[in-house]
Amino acid sequence: MRSPHNPATALESLHVPVSAAAATTGPTPTRALRERVVGATAIALAASVAIQNAVVVWAGAPDYGGPIKEVLAFHAEHRVAVAIAVGLEALNLPLLLGFLTGLHGLVERRGRAGADWSRLAVAAGATLSAVFALYAVLWNGVVLSAGELAEPSPEFELAWQLHAAAFALALPALGTTFIGAALAAHASQLTPPWQRLLAVAGGGLLLAAGAANLAIADGSRLLFVGMPGYAAWLVWLLATGVRLVRARTADRPDDASTSDEEG
């Protein structure tokens, strides 16, 4: 007949497999997968925006202060380039919203540090998406009108100015999105300190440029004040995306700390 087990030993033997499993498996694969998905979305967004701008620059698009006759000639001759740029804008919107909501989910699961900042980023990102949608629609109007005009009309010039105004108004929305997302990611220890500094500096430039949206709509070169901030946003997205994709750990459950005590 087998000797009876010590009750304390029996309880310990029942509990060890659970804690040992927690210590062995650590973070669940699903949590690490979430980080990688959010990171891949950030990289895709940065790549899409970079390609979009490269297409416009390659085609030789005039700036908002250029002569209106040059604007008309460009849009009459480069309809395909504008179609590509606007098509990529349609891709950018779901990528942006997907990244921001995914980031908010990561922040919530990592103890809610920076949750207020991530909520600000989501709200600003929704506003940014709406403004960029208006920007794309107005650009469609410009290129469609250009195919029917031999000389610039007042309506064509107005559509171009409204297109510029929409882009100028998108700058402060982007700056707010940038700062909110970066501070949320930093507070949740998803990104290193230098990315927070990059966001504050770049987002500040975007906010400053956006304050001059009326002047930019009239062709002012104050637009270029915000361009370093726009570039900083792409750098931050790429760096954050790579960091999340390469993540090998995720959040440990709150009760996983008991495995240390049991060991």
C-alpha atoms as a PDB file:
ATOM      1  CA  MET A   1       0.000   0.000   0.000  1.00  0.00           C
ATOM      2  CA  ARG A   2       1.362   3.451  -0.996  1.00  0.00           C
ATOM      3  CA  SER A   3       2.135   5.890   1.787  1.00  0.00           C
ATOM      4  CA  PRO A   4      -0.147   8.938   1.980  1.00  0.00           C
ATOM      5  CA  HIS A   5       1.202  12.190   0.600  1.00  0.00           C
ATOM      6  CA  ASN A   6       1.879  15.164   2.794  1.00  0.00           C
ATOM      7  CA  PRO A   7      -1.043  17.594   2.223  1.00  0.00           C
ATOM      8  CA  ALA A   8       1.307  20.524   1.672  1.00  0.00           C
ATOM      9  CA  THR A   9       3.326  18.492  -0.793  1.00  0.00           C
ATOM     10  CA  ALA A  10       0.156  17.444  -2.592  1.00  0.00           C
ATOM     11  CA  LEU A  11      -1.022  21.037  -2.935  1.00  0.00           C
ATOM     12  CA  GLU A  12       2.369  22.089  -4.193  1.00  0.00           C
ATOM     13  CA  SER A  13       2.425  19.270  -6.734  1.00  0.00           C
ATOM     14  CA  LEU A  14      -0.967  20.352  -8.021  1.00  0.00           C
ATOM     15  CA  HIS A  15       0.149  23.966  -8.390  1.00  0.00           C
ATOM     16  CA  VAL A  16       3.602  23.458  -9.906  1.00  0.00           C
ATOM     17  CA  PRO A  17       2.522  22.447 -13.423  1.00  0.00           C
ATOM     18  CA  VAL A  18       0.493  25.645 -13.827  1.00  0.00           C
ATOM     19  CA  SER A  19       3.269  27.964 -12.702  1.00  0.00           C
ATOM     20  CA  ALA A  20       5.882  25.939 -14.520  1.00  0.00           C
ATOM     21  CA  ALA A  21       3.875  26.257 -17.711  1.00  0.00           C
ATOM     22  CA  ALA A  22       3.599  30.004 -17.201  1.00  0.00           C
ATOM     23  CA  ALA A  23       7.340  30.255 -16.625  1.00  0.00           C
ATOM     24  CA  THR A  24       8.077  28.101 -19.664  1.00  0.00           C
ATOM     25  CA  THR A  25       5.709  29.658 -22.142  1.00  0.00           C
ATOM     26  CA  GLY A  26       5.944  33.237 -20.875  1.00  0.00           C
ATOM     27  CA  PRO A  27       3.977  35.660 -23.062  1.00  0.00           C
ATOM     28  CA  THR A  28       1.326  34.153 -25.284  1.00  0.00           C
ATOM     29  CA  PRO A  29       2.103  34.017 -29.032  1.00  0.00           C
ATOM     30  CA  THR A  30      -1.088  35.963 -29.746  1.00  0.00           C
ATOM     31  CA  ARG A  31       0.209  39.014 -27.909  1.00  0.00           C
ATOM     32  CA  ALA A  32       3.503  38.964 -29.794  1.00  0.00           C
ATOM     33  CA  LEU A  33       1.553  38.537 -33.038  1.00  0.00           C
ATOM     34  CA  ARG A  34      -0.465  41.677 -32.284  1.00  0.00           C
ATOM     35  CA  GLU A  35       2.734  43.701 -31.996  1.00  0.00           C
ATOM     36  CA  ARG A  36       4.006  42.335 -35.282  1.00  0.00           C
ATOM     37  CA  VAL A  37       0.747  43.112 -37.080  1.00  0.00           C
ATOM     38  CA  VAL A  38       0.733  46.691 -35.787  1.00  0.00           C
ATOM     39  CA  GLY A  39       4.385  47.032 -36.756  1.00  0.00           C
ATOM     40  CA  ALA A  40       3.771  45.699 -40.259  1.00  0.00           C
ATOM     41  CA  THR A  41       0.900  48.179 -40.661  1.00  0.00           C
ATOM     42  CA  ALA A  42       3.186  51.055 -39.668  1.00  0.00           C
ATOM     43  CA  ILE A  43       5.812  49.964 -42.203  1.00  0.00           C
ATOM     44  CA  ALA A  44       3.186  49.600 -44.939  1.00  0.00           C
ATOM     45  CA  LEU A  45       1.843  53.089 -44.178  1.00  0.00           C
ATOM     46  CA  ALA A  46       5.323  54.645 -44.291  1.00  0.00           C
ATOM     47  CA  ALA A  47       6.085  52.868 -47.577  1.00  0.00           C
ATOM     48  CA  SER A  48       2.775  53.911 -49.157  1.00  0.00           C
ATOM     49  CA  VAL A  49       3.221  57.584 -48.216  1.00  0.00           C
ATOM     50  CA  ALA A  50       6.841  57.552 -49.427  1.00  0.00           C
ATOM     51  CA  ILE A  51       5.828  56.047 -52.786  1.00  0.00           C
ATOM     52  CA  GLN A  52       2.989  58.541 -53.106  1.00  0.00           C
ATOM     53  CA  ASN A  53       5.337  61.487 -52.617  1.00  0.00           C
ATOM     54  CA  ALA A  54       7.969  59.971 -54.894  1.00  0.00           C
ATOM     55  CA  VAL A  55       5.416  59.703 -57.718  1.00  0.00           C
ATOM     56  CA  VAL A  56       4.418  63.363 -57.319  1.00  0.00           C
ATOM     57  CA  VAL A  57       8.035  64.561 -57.186  1.00  0.00           C
ATOM     58  CA  TRP A  58       9.033  62.371 -60.149  1.00  0.00           C
ATOM     59  CA  ALA A  59       6.200  63.829 -62.225  1.00  0.00           C
ATOM     60  CA  GLY A  60       7.417  67.359 -61.420  1.00  0.00           C
ATOM     61  CA  ALA A  61       4.284  68.620 -59.689  1.00  0.00           C
ATOM     62  CA  PRO A  62       4.181  72.397 -59.182  1.00  0.00           C
ATOM     63  CA  ASP A  63       4.063  73.788 -55.656  1.00  0.00           C
ATOM     64  CA  TYR A  64       1.006  75.621 -54.404  1.00  0.00           C
ATOM     65  CA  GLY A  65       2.616  78.994 -55.134  1.00  0.00           C
ATOM     66  CA  GLY A  66       3.386  78.172 -58.775  1.00  0.00           C
ATOM     67  CA  PRO A  67       1.754  80.005 -61.696  1.00  0.00           C
ATOM     68  CA  ILE A  68      -1.748  78.725 -62.284  1.00  0.00           C
ATOM     69  CA  LYS A  69      -0.985  78.078 -65.973  1.00  0.00           C
ATOM     70  CA  GLU A  70       1.753  75.633 -64.923  1.00  0.00           C
ATOM     71  CA  VAL A  71      -0.688  73.959 -62.561  1.00  0.00           C
ATOM     72  CA  LEU A  72      -3.186  73.512 -65.394  1.00  0.00           C
ATOM     73  CA  ALA A  73      -0.542  72.168 -67.786  1.00  0.00           C
ATOM     74  CA  PHE A  74       0.774  69.701 -65.226  1.00  0.00           C
ATOM     75  CA  HIS A  75      -2.630  68.227 -64.431  1.00  0.00           C
ATOM     76  CA  ALA A  76      -3.568  68.020 -68.103  1.00  0.00           C
ATOM     77  CA  GLU A  77      -0.387  66.089 -68.906  1.00  0.00           C
ATOM     78  CA  HIS A  78       0.059  63.947 -65.790  1.00  0.00           C
ATOM     79  CA  ARG A  79      -3.360  62.547 -65.101  1.00  0.00           C
ATOM     80  CA  VAL A  80      -1.939  59.053 -64.493  1.00  0.00           C
ATOM     81  CA  ALA A  81       0.522  60.304 -61.858  1.00  0.00           C
ATOM     82  CA  VAL A  82      -2.271  62.073 -59.996  1.00  0.00           C
ATOM     83  CA  ALA A  83      -4.465  58.965 -60.277  1.00  0.00           C
ATOM     84  CA  ILE A  84      -1.705  56.889 -58.656  1.00  0.00           C
ATOM     85  CA  ALA A  85      -1.218  59.443 -55.877  1.00  0.00           C
ATOM     86  CA  VAL A  86      -4.942  59.653 -55.137  1.00  0.00           C
ATOM     87  CA  GLY A  87      -5.262  55.874 -55.293  1.00  0.00           C
ATOM     88  CA  LEU A  88      -2.503  55.522 -52.705  1.00  0.00           C
ATOM     89  CA  GLU A  89      -4.352  58.021 -50.532  1.00  0.00           C
ATOM     90  CA  ALA A  90      -7.273  55.605 -50.493  1.00  0.00           C
ATOM     91  CA  LEU A  91      -4.862  52.967 -49.188  1.00  0.00           C
ATOM     92  CA  ASN A  92      -3.264  55.297 -46.640  1.00  0.00           C
ATOM     93  CA  LEU A  93      -6.518  55.962 -44.806  1.00  0.00           C
ATOM     94  CA  PRO A  94      -7.241  52.385 -43.639  1.00  0.00           C
ATOM     95  CA  LEU A  95      -3.548  51.835 -42.911  1.00  0.00           C
ATOM     96  CA  LEU A  96      -3.428  54.950 -40.731  1.00  0.00           C
ATOM     97  CA  LEU A  97      -6.585  54.097 -38.800  1.00  0.00           C
ATOM     98  CA  GLY A  98      -5.553  50.454 -38.489  1.00  0.00           C
ATOM     99  CA  PHE A  99      -2.161  51.404 -37.095  1.00  0.00           C
ATOM    100  CA  LEU A 100      -3.558  53.900 -34.577  1.00  0.00           C
ATOM    101  CA  THR A 101      -6.286  51.603 -33.273  1.00  0.00           C
ATOM    102  CA  GLY A 102      -3.812  48.725 -33.114  1.00  0.00           C
ATOM    103  CA  LEU A 103      -1.368  50.878 -31.183  1.00  0.00           C
ATOM    104  CA  HIS A 104      -4.141  51.857 -28.779  1.00  0.00           C
ATOM    105  CA  GLY A 105      -4.877  48.177 -28.217  1.00  0.00           C
ATOM    106  CA  LEU A 106      -1.216  47.487 -27.406  1.00  0.00           C
ATOM    107  CA  VAL A 107      -1.151  50.392 -24.957  1.00  0.00           C
ATOM    108  CA  GLU A 108      -4.311  49.123 -23.253  1.00  0.00           C
ATOM    109  CA  ARG A 109      -2.797  45.661 -22.834  1.00  0.00           C
ATOM    110  CA  ARG A 110       0.464  46.984 -21.437  1.00  0.00           C
ATOM    111  CA  GLY A 111      -1.047  48.472 -18.308  1.00  0.00           C
ATOM    112  CA  ARG A 112      -2.771  51.516 -19.883  1.00  0.00           C
ATOM    113  CA  ALA A 113       0.298  53.746 -19.491  1.00  0.00           C
ATOM    114  CA  GLY A 114      -0.146  56.385 -22.173  1.00  0.00           C
ATOM    115  CA  ALA A 115      -3.777  55.459 -22.829  1.00  0.00           C
ATOM    116  CA  ASP A 116      -4.874  59.106 -22.857  1.00  0.00           C
ATOM    117  CA  TRP A 117      -2.219  59.927 -25.446  1.00  0.00           C
ATOM    118  CA  SER A 118      -3.266  56.999 -27.622  1.00  0.00           C
ATOM    119  CA  ARG A 119      -6.910  58.086 -27.458  1.00  0.00           C
ATOM    120  CA  LEU A 120      -5.815  61.552 -28.573  1.00  0.00           C
ATOM    121  CA  ALA A 121      -3.887  59.983 -31.451  1.00  0.00           C
ATOM    122  CA  VAL A 122      -6.922  57.953 -32.575  1.00  0.00           C
ATOM    123  CA  ALA A 123      -9.199  61.030 -32.483  1.00  0.00           C
ATOM    124  CA  ALA A 124      -6.651  63.178 -34.331  1.00  0.00           C
ATOM    125  CA  GLY A 125      -6.062  60.371 -36.820  1.00  0.00           C
ATOM    126  CA  ALA A 126      -9.781  60.178 -37.584  1.00  0.00           C
ATOM    127  CA  THR A 127      -9.801  63.934 -38.218  1.00  0.00           C
ATOM    128  CA  LEU A 128      -6.686  63.613 -40.364  1.00  0.00           C
ATOM    129  CA  SER A 129      -8.329  60.883 -42.428  1.00  0.00           C
ATOM    130  CA  ALA A 130     -11.374  63.076 -43.072  1.00  0.00           C
ATOM    131  CA  VAL A 131      -9.219  66.033 -44.131  1.00  0.00           C
ATOM    132  CA  PHE A 132      -7.076  63.874 -46.416  1.00  0.00           C
ATOM    133  CA  ALA A 133     -10.227  62.444 -47.980  1.00  0.00           C
ATOM    134  CA  LEU A 134     -11.337  66.011 -48.784  1.00  0.00           C
ATOM    135  CA  TYR A 135      -7.830  66.748 -50.085  1.00  0.00           C
ATOM    136  CA  ALA A 136      -8.016  63.755 -52.453  1.00  0.00           C
ATOM    137  CA  VAL A 137     -11.512  64.617 -53.685  1.00  0.00           C
ATOM    138  CA  LEU A 138     -10.474  68.188 -54.473  1.00  0.00           C
ATOM    139  CA  TRP A 139      -7.397  66.914 -56.290  1.00  0.00           C
ATOM    140  CA  ASN A 140      -9.670  64.711 -58.401  1.00  0.00           C
ATOM    141  CA  GLY A 141     -11.687  67.808 -59.242  1.00  0.00           C
ATOM    142  CA  VAL A 142      -8.559  69.682 -60.269  1.00  0.00           C
ATOM    143  CA  VAL A 143      -7.287  66.985 -62.627  1.00  0.00           C
ATOM    144  CA  LEU A 144     -10.727  66.358 -64.157  1.00  0.00           C
ATOM    145  CA  SER A 145     -11.226  70.072 -64.806  1.00  0.00           C
ATOM    146  CA  ALA A 146      -7.764  70.408 -66.347  1.00  0.00           C
ATOM    147  CA  GLY A 147      -8.681  68.039 -69.168  1.00  0.00           C
ATOM    148  CA  GLU A 148     -11.485  70.323 -70.341  1.00  0.00           C
ATOM    149  CA  LEU A 149      -9.777  73.726 -70.128  1.00  0.00           C
ATOM    150  CA  ALA A 150      -7.489  75.554 -72.534  1.00  0.00           C
ATOM    151  CA  GLU A 151      -6.916  78.367 -70.037  1.00  0.00           C
ATOM    152  CA  PRO A 152      -7.257  78.432 -66.241  1.00  0.00           C
ATOM    153  CA  SER A 153     -10.715  79.429 -65.088  1.00  0.00           C
ATOM    154  CA  PRO A 154     -11.642  81.034 -61.740  1.00  0.00           C
ATOM    155  CA  GLU A 155     -13.307  77.769 -60.725  1.00  0.00           C
ATOM    156  CA  PHE A 156     -10.152  75.802 -61.529  1.00  0.00           C
ATOM    157  CA  GLU A 157      -8.003  78.187 -59.498  1.00  0.00           C
ATOM    158  CA  LEU A 158     -10.445  78.000 -56.583  1.00  0.00           C
ATOM    159  CA  ALA A 159     -10.381  74.193 -56.637  1.00  0.00           C
ATOM    160  CA  TRP A 160      -6.574  74.282 -56.561  1.00  0.00           C
ATOM    161  CA  GLN A 161      -6.556  76.699 -53.636  1.00  0.00           C
ATOM    162  CA  LEU A 162      -9.042  74.552 -51.724  1.00  0.00           C
ATOM    163  CA  HIS A 163      -6.849  71.532 -52.405  1.00  0.00           C
ATOM    164  CA  ALA A 164      -3.889  73.439 -50.932  1.00  0.00           C
ATOM    165  CA  ALA A 165      -5.979  74.568 -47.960  1.00  0.00           C
ATOM    166  CA  ALA A 166      -6.999  70.976 -47.218  1.00  0.00           C
ATOM    167  CA  PHE A 167      -3.367  69.881 -47.195  1.00  0.00           C
ATOM    168  CA  ALA A 168      -2.445  72.815 -44.933  1.00  0.00           C
ATOM    169  CA  LEU A 169      -5.235  71.910 -42.512  1.00  0.00           C
ATOM    170  CA  ALA A 170      -4.048  68.301 -42.485  1.00  0.00           C
ATOM    171  CA  LEU A 171      -0.675  69.395 -41.062  1.00  0.00           C
ATOM    172  CA  PRO A 172      -1.856  70.229 -37.504  1.00  0.00           C
ATOM    173  CA  ALA A 173      -4.024  67.086 -37.475  1.00  0.00           C
ATOM    174  CA  LEU A 174      -0.956  65.069 -38.472  1.00  0.00           C
ATOM    175  CA  GLY A 175       1.159  66.837 -35.861  1.00  0.00           C
ATOM    176  CA  THR A 176      -1.345  65.992 -33.130  1.00  0.00           C
ATOM    177  CA  THR A 177      -1.550  62.384 -34.330  1.00  0.00           C
ATOM    178  CA  PHE A 178       2.231  62.126 -34.404  1.00  0.00           C
ATOM    179  CA  ILE A 179       2.768  63.509 -30.906  1.00  0.00           C
ATOM    180  CA  GLY A 180      -0.066  61.504 -29.352  1.00  0.00           C
ATOM    181  CA  ALA A 181       1.021  58.215 -30.895  1.00  0.00           C
ATOM    182  CA  ALA A 182       4.686  58.725 -30.023  1.00  0.00           C
ATOM    183  CA  LEU A 183       4.034  59.680 -26.399  1.00  0.00           C
ATOM    184  CA  ALA A 184       1.652  56.736 -25.986  1.00  0.00           C
ATOM    185  CA  ALA A 185       4.191  54.305 -27.449  1.00  0.00           C
ATOM    186  CA  HIS A 186       6.975  55.693 -25.283  1.00  0.00           C
ATOM    187  CA  ALA A 187       4.885  55.590 -22.094  1.00  0.00           C
ATOM    188  CA  SER A 188       4.141  51.919 -22.798  1.00  0.00           C
ATOM    189  CA  GLN A 189       7.855  51.217 -23.404  1.00  0.00           C
ATOM    190  CA  LEU A 190       7.254  50.281 -27.020  1.00  0.00           C
ATOM    191  CA  THR A 191       9.771  52.808 -28.363  1.00  0.00           C
ATOM    192  CA  PRO A 192      13.061  54.347 -27.133  1.00  0.00           C
ATOM    193  CA  PRO A 193      13.391  57.958 -25.867  1.00  0.00           C
ATOM    194  CA  TRP A 194      14.850  59.360 -29.091  1.00  0.00           C
ATOM    195  CA  GLN A 195      11.610  58.623 -30.925  1.00  0.00           C
ATOM    196  CA  ARG A 196       9.674  60.700 -28.405  1.00  0.00           C
ATOM    197  CA  LEU A 197      12.021  63.648 -28.989  1.00  0.00           C
ATOM    198  CA  LEU A 198      11.687  63.210 -32.754  1.00  0.00           C
ATOM    199  CA  ALA A 199       7.893  63.321 -32.444  1.00  0.00           C
ATOM    200  CA  VAL A 200       7.801  66.405 -30.254  1.00  0.00           C
ATOM    201  CA  ALA A 201      10.101  68.299 -32.626  1.00  0.00           C
ATOM    202  CA  GLY A 202       8.492  67.065 -35.829  1.00  0.00           C
ATOM    203  CA  GLY A 203       4.947  67.398 -34.539  1.00  0.00           C
ATOM    204  CA  GLY A 204       5.678  70.909 -33.337  1.00  0.00           C
ATOM    205  CA  LEU A 205       6.793  71.917 -36.847  1.00  0.00           C
ATOM    206  CA  LEU A 206       3.611  70.460 -38.319  1.00  0.00           C
ATOM    207  CA  LEU A 207       1.465  72.383 -35.847  1.00  0.00           C
ATOM    208  CA  ALA A 208       3.342  75.620 -36.565  1.00  0.00           C
ATOM    209  CA  ALA A 209       2.958  75.221 -40.319  1.00  0.00           C
ATOM    210  CA  GLY A 210      -0.728  74.371 -40.000  1.00  0.00           C
ATOM    211  CA  ALA A 211      -1.382  77.639 -38.187  1.00  0.00           C
ATOM    212  CA  ALA A 212      -0.582  79.386 -41.470  1.00  0.00           C
ATOM    213  CA  ASN A 213      -3.128  77.409 -43.483  1.00  0.00           C
ATOM    214  CA  LEU A 214      -4.688  80.533 -45.064  1.00  0.00           C
ATOM    215  CA  ALA A 215      -1.302  81.728 -46.271  1.00  0.00           C
ATOM    216  CA  ILE A 216      -0.470  78.256 -47.596  1.00  0.00           C
ATOM    217  CA  ALA A 217      -3.764  78.126 -49.481  1.00  0.00           C
ATOM    218  CA  ASP A 218      -2.671  81.395 -51.118  1.00  0.00           C
ATOM    219  CA  GLY A 219       0.640  79.842 -52.174  1.00  0.00           C
ATOM    220  CA  SER A 220       2.902  80.805 -49.269  1.00  0.00           C
ATOM    221  CA  ARG A 221       6.165  78.877 -48.848  1.00  0.00           C
ATOM    222  CA  LEU A 222       5.406  78.573 -45.147  1.00  0.00           C
ATOM    223  CA  LEU A 223       4.272  75.108 -46.160  1.00  0.00           C
ATOM    224  CA  PHE A 224       7.907  74.034 -46.175  1.00  0.00           C
ATOM    225  CA  VAL A 225       8.162  74.732 -42.435  1.00  0.00           C
ATOM    226  CA  GLY A 226       6.160  71.576 -41.887  1.00  0.00           C
ATOM    227  CA  MET A 227       8.031  69.367 -44.371  1.00  0.00           C
ATOM    228  CA  PRO A 228      10.779  68.291 -41.917  1.00  0.00           C
ATOM    229  CA  GLY A 229       7.998  67.270 -39.529  1.00  0.00           C
ATOM    230  CA  TYR A 230       6.332  65.298 -42.320  1.00  0.00           C
ATOM    231  CA  ALA A 231       9.609  63.483 -42.970  1.00  0.00           C
ATOM    232  CA  ALA A 232      10.042  62.876 -39.230  1.00  0.00           C
ATOM    233  CA  TRP A 233       6.607  61.196 -39.166  1.00  0.00           C
ATOM    234  CA  LEU A 234       7.740  58.722 -41.832  1.00  0.00           C
ATOM    235  CA  VAL A 235      11.005  58.020 -39.983  1.00  0.00           C
ATOM    236  CA  TRP A 236       9.078  57.443 -36.738  1.00  0.00           C
ATOM    237  CA  LEU A 237       6.595  55.121 -38.449  1.00  0.00           C
ATOM    238  CA  LEU A 238       9.372  53.065 -40.009  1.00  0.00           C
ATOM    239  CA  ALA A 239      11.423  52.853 -36.809  1.00  0.00           C
ATOM    240  CA  THR A 240       8.375  51.946 -34.721  1.00  0.00           C
ATOM    241  CA  GLY A 241       7.194  49.397 -37.249  1.00  0.00           C
ATOM    242  CA  VAL A 242      10.572  47.648 -37.421  1.00  0.00           C
ATOM    243  CA  ARG A 243      10.827  47.587 -33.631  1.00  0.00           C
ATOM    244  CA  LEU A 244       7.375  46.024 -33.248  1.00  0.00           C
ATOM    245  CA  VAL A 245       7.870  43.493 -36.026  1.00  0.00           C
ATOM    246  CA  ARG A 246      11.114  42.347 -34.435  1.00  0.00           C
ATOM    247  CA  ALA A 247       9.520  42.073 -30.988  1.00  0.00           C
ATOM    248  CA  ARG A 248      10.096  38.669 -29.413  1.00  0.00           C
ATOM    249  CA  THR A 249       8.221  39.293 -26.185  1.00  0.00           C
ATOM    250  CA  ALA A 250       4.831  40.635 -25.281  1.00  0.00           C
ATOM    251  CA  ASP A 251       3.101  41.536 -22.078  1.00  0.00           C
ATOM    252  CA  ARG A 252       3.232  38.933 -19.332  1.00  0.00           C
ATOM    253  CA  PRO A 253      -0.045  38.226 -17.584  1.00  0.00           C
ATOM    254  CA  ASP A 254      -0.329  39.871 -14.194  1.00  0.00           C
ATOM    255  CA  ASP A 255      -0.424  36.499 -12.471  1.00  0.00           C
ATOM    256  CA  ALA A 256       2.700  35.277 -14.290  1.00  0.00           C
ATOM    257  CA  SER A 257       4.824  36.873 -11.591  1.00  0.00           C
ATOM    258  CA  THR A 258       3.754  34.104  -9.291  1.00  0.00           C
ATOM    259  CA  SER A 259       5.963  31.750 -11.273  1.00  0.00           C
ATOM    260  CA  ASP A 260       8.993  33.542  -9.858  1.00  0.00           C
ATOM    261  CA  GLU A 261       7.743  33.008  -6.337  1.00  0.00           C
ATOM    262  CA  GLU A 262       6.945  29.343  -6.955  1.00  0.00           C
ATOM    263  CA  GLY A 263      10.391  28.791  -8.496  1.00  0.00           C
END
